[in-house]
Protein backbone atom coordinates (compact mmCIF):
# COMPACT_ATOMS: atom_id res chain seq x y z
CA UNK A 1 -17.01 8.88 2.45
CA UNK A 2 -19.13 8.65 -0.71
CA UNK A 3 -18.79 5.46 -2.69
CA UNK A 4 -18.06 5.20 -6.41
CA UNK A 5 -19.21 2.27 -8.47
CA UNK A 6 -16.47 0.37 -10.25
CA UNK A 7 -17.22 -2.42 -12.71
CA UNK A 8 -14.56 -5.08 -13.13
CA UNK A 9 -14.52 -8.09 -15.42
CA UNK A 10 -12.72 -11.21 -14.24
CA UNK A 11 -12.75 -14.83 -15.30
CA UNK A 12 -15.16 -17.22 -13.57
CA UNK A 13 -12.44 -18.85 -11.46
CA UNK A 14 -11.37 -15.46 -10.06
CA UNK A 15 -14.99 -14.47 -9.41
CA UNK A 16 -15.65 -17.75 -7.59
CA UNK A 17 -12.50 -17.33 -5.49
CA UNK A 18 -13.51 -13.76 -4.57
CA UNK A 19 -17.00 -14.89 -3.54
CA UNK A 20 -15.63 -17.78 -1.47
CA UNK A 21 -13.01 -15.65 0.28
CA UNK A 22 -15.52 -12.90 1.03
CA UNK A 23 -18.03 -15.41 2.39
CA UNK A 24 -15.36 -17.03 4.56
CA UNK A 25 -14.57 -13.61 6.03
CA UNK A 26 -18.23 -12.75 6.51
CA UNK A 27 -18.20 -9.78 4.17
CA UNK A 28 -19.50 -8.74 0.79
CA UNK A 29 -17.41 -9.19 -2.33
CA UNK A 30 -17.36 -5.39 -2.65
CA UNK A 31 -15.91 -5.00 0.84
CA UNK A 32 -13.42 -7.83 0.24
CA UNK A 33 -12.10 -6.19 -2.95
CA UNK A 34 -12.01 -2.78 -1.26
CA UNK A 35 -9.88 -4.19 1.57
CA UNK A 36 -7.52 -5.91 -0.88
CA UNK A 37 -6.92 -2.62 -2.68
CA UNK A 38 -6.36 -0.77 0.60
CA UNK A 39 -3.84 -3.41 1.70
CA UNK A 40 -2.04 -3.11 -1.63
CA UNK A 41 -1.87 0.67 -1.33
CA UNK A 42 -0.62 0.36 2.24
CA UNK A 43 2.11 -2.04 1.20
CA UNK A 44 3.25 0.37 -1.51
CA UNK A 45 3.40 3.14 1.08
CA UNK A 46 5.43 1.01 3.47
CA UNK A 47 7.75 -0.02 0.65
CA UNK A 48 8.35 3.65 -0.20
CA UNK A 49 9.08 4.60 3.43
CA UNK A 50 11.39 1.60 3.88
CA UNK A 51 13.24 2.47 0.68
CA UNK A 52 13.58 6.12 1.69
CA UNK A 53 14.92 5.12 5.11
CA UNK A 54 17.40 2.74 3.50
CA UNK A 55 18.51 5.46 1.08
CA UNK A 56 19.05 7.93 3.90
CA UNK A 57 20.96 5.38 5.93
CA UNK A 58 23.26 4.69 2.97
CA UNK A 59 23.75 8.34 1.98
CA UNK A 60 23.56 10.13 5.34
CA UNK A 61 27.27 10.90 5.26
CA UNK A 62 26.94 12.56 1.84
CA UNK A 63 24.14 14.81 3.10
CA UNK A 64 26.06 15.60 6.31
CA UNK A 65 29.17 16.47 4.31
CA UNK A 66 27.19 18.71 1.94
CA UNK A 67 24.85 20.43 4.39
CA UNK A 68 26.41 19.93 7.82
CA UNK A 69 25.21 17.85 10.78
CA UNK A 70 22.66 20.40 12.07
CA UNK A 71 20.88 21.14 8.77
CA UNK A 72 17.23 20.09 8.79
CA UNK A 73 17.05 19.21 12.50
CA UNK A 74 14.34 20.77 14.65
């Protein structure tokens, strides 16, 4: 996948922490930040799926009443 350059300004303490954490993990700061963003996106995705599952669990009877028990099943 092609890479896009992204410039970010942070305070010195944050920059130092990023460098230290990346070094401790044996990776570049770029890779460290990229992985943090991917983790954050993944967590948002999991949160959405969990919320949707909870919604369906709570409102399954409403959907069944409206559409019938066989609607939408393969």
